[in-house]
Amino acid sequence: MSGPFSAFSFGVEATVEAVTLENLANTTVVEAPTDLTLYVNVFDQLRSVALSPDKSAERLRQTLDDAP
């Protein structure tokens, strides 16, 4: 993955229909199905390793408690 992206679904189904990539000069819109599959897979991988909301809050509290 090379940087942040935003995924969009425009219907009732949670199917990714477009992805945007932003940089200083412009925004690129990705709509090709094969390219969208790559971003969906990356998002699924990120979600699988992310902490739960409760664990995230616990980690933040611990970090704040350990701060000088």
C-alpha atoms as a PDB file:
ATOM      1  CA  MET A   1       0.000   0.000   0.000  1.00  0.00           C
ATOM      2  CA  SER A   2       1.417   3.372  -0.957  1.00  0.00           C
ATOM      3  CA  GLY A   3      -0.812   5.748   0.976  1.00  0.00           C
ATOM      4  CA  PRO A   4      -4.289   6.566   2.278  1.00  0.00           C
ATOM      5  CA  PHE A   5      -7.368   5.998   0.182  1.00  0.00           C
ATOM      6  CA  SER A   6     -11.129   6.419   0.532  1.00  0.00           C
ATOM      7  CA  ALA A   7     -13.601   3.807  -0.687  1.00  0.00           C
ATOM      8  CA  PHE A   8     -17.129   4.681  -1.770  1.00  0.00           C
ATOM      9  CA  SER A   9     -20.316   2.673  -2.074  1.00  0.00           C
ATOM     10  CA  PHE A  10     -23.312   4.461  -3.555  1.00  0.00           C
ATOM     11  CA  GLY A  11     -26.056   1.869  -3.174  1.00  0.00           C
ATOM     12  CA  VAL A  12     -27.701  -0.078  -0.408  1.00  0.00           C
ATOM     13  CA  GLU A  13     -25.124  -2.849  -0.747  1.00  0.00           C
ATOM     14  CA  ALA A  14     -21.707  -2.295   0.828  1.00  0.00           C
ATOM     15  CA  THR A  15     -19.952  -2.946  -2.488  1.00  0.00           C
ATOM     16  CA  VAL A  16     -17.003  -0.671  -3.215  1.00  0.00           C
ATOM     17  CA  GLU A  17     -17.768   1.203  -6.440  1.00  0.00           C
ATOM     18  CA  ALA A  18     -14.971   3.776  -6.422  1.00  0.00           C
ATOM     19  CA  VAL A  19     -11.756   4.579  -4.590  1.00  0.00           C
ATOM     20  CA  THR A  20     -10.093   7.980  -4.394  1.00  0.00           C
ATOM     21  CA  LEU A  21      -6.396   8.667  -3.902  1.00  0.00           C
ATOM     22  CA  GLU A  22      -5.425  12.211  -2.989  1.00  0.00           C
ATOM     23  CA  ASN A  23      -2.087  13.997  -3.249  1.00  0.00           C
ATOM     24  CA  LEU A  24      -0.929  17.616  -3.325  1.00  0.00           C
ATOM     25  CA  ALA A  25      -1.689  18.085  -7.011  1.00  0.00           C
ATOM     26  CA  ASN A  26      -4.893  16.131  -7.632  1.00  0.00           C
ATOM     27  CA  THR A  27      -7.318  13.372  -6.762  1.00  0.00           C
ATOM     28  CA  THR A  28      -7.352  10.119  -8.691  1.00  0.00           C
ATOM     29  CA  VAL A  29     -10.586   8.135  -8.949  1.00  0.00           C
ATOM     30  CA  VAL A  30     -10.272   4.386  -9.417  1.00  0.00           C
ATOM     31  CA  GLU A  31     -13.299   2.552 -10.831  1.00  0.00           C
ATOM     32  CA  ALA A  32     -11.926  -0.477 -12.703  1.00  0.00           C
ATOM     33  CA  PRO A  33     -13.208  -3.675 -11.041  1.00  0.00           C
ATOM     34  CA  THR A  34      -9.797  -5.362 -10.964  1.00  0.00           C
ATOM     35  CA  ASP A  35      -8.228  -2.291  -9.341  1.00  0.00           C
ATOM     36  CA  LEU A  36     -11.063  -1.986  -6.826  1.00  0.00           C
ATOM     37  CA  THR A  37     -10.466  -5.595  -5.795  1.00  0.00           C
ATOM     38  CA  LEU A  38      -6.906  -4.679  -4.823  1.00  0.00           C
ATOM     39  CA  TYR A  39      -8.121  -1.888  -2.530  1.00  0.00           C
ATOM     40  CA  VAL A  40     -10.848  -4.051  -1.004  1.00  0.00           C
ATOM     41  CA  ASN A  41      -8.216  -6.697  -0.211  1.00  0.00           C
ATOM     42  CA  VAL A  42      -5.900  -4.120   1.378  1.00  0.00           C
ATOM     43  CA  PHE A  43      -8.777  -2.744   3.468  1.00  0.00           C
ATOM     44  CA  ASP A  44      -9.703  -6.255   4.616  1.00  0.00           C
ATOM     45  CA  GLN A  45      -6.081  -6.901   5.638  1.00  0.00           C
ATOM     46  CA  LEU A  46      -5.906  -3.622   7.567  1.00  0.00           C
ATOM     47  CA  ARG A  47      -9.197  -4.332   9.301  1.00  0.00           C
ATOM     48  CA  SER A  48      -8.044  -7.832  10.283  1.00  0.00           C
ATOM     49  CA  VAL A  49      -4.998  -6.484  12.169  1.00  0.00           C
ATOM     50  CA  ALA A  50      -6.668  -3.428  13.686  1.00  0.00           C
ATOM     51  CA  LEU A  51      -7.428  -3.310  17.394  1.00  0.00           C
ATOM     52  CA  SER A  52     -11.040  -3.436  18.533  1.00  0.00           C
ATOM     53  CA  PRO A  53     -12.545  -0.146  19.764  1.00  0.00           C
ATOM     54  CA  ASP A  54     -12.146  -1.301  23.383  1.00  0.00           C
ATOM     55  CA  LYS A  55      -8.530  -2.357  22.860  1.00  0.00           C
ATOM     56  CA  SER A  56      -7.805   0.923  21.049  1.00  0.00           C
ATOM     57  CA  ALA A  57      -9.177   2.922  23.975  1.00  0.00           C
ATOM     58  CA  GLU A  58      -7.158   0.795  26.392  1.00  0.00           C
ATOM     59  CA  ARG A  59      -3.972   1.370  24.363  1.00  0.00           C
ATOM     60  CA  LEU A  60      -4.588   5.144  24.294  1.00  0.00           C
ATOM     61  CA  ARG A  61      -5.202   5.243  28.047  1.00  0.00           C
ATOM     62  CA  GLN A  62      -2.027   3.254  28.647  1.00  0.00           C
ATOM     63  CA  THR A  63      -0.023   5.577  26.391  1.00  0.00           C
ATOM     64  CA  LEU A  64      -1.359   8.649  28.206  1.00  0.00           C
ATOM     65  CA  ASP A  65      -0.639   7.114  31.607  1.00  0.00           C
ATOM     66  CA  ASP A  66       2.934   6.313  30.550  1.00  0.00           C
ATOM     67  CA  ALA A  67       3.584   9.805  29.148  1.00  0.00           C
ATOM     68  CA  PRO A  68       5.930  12.072  31.138  1.00  0.00           C
END
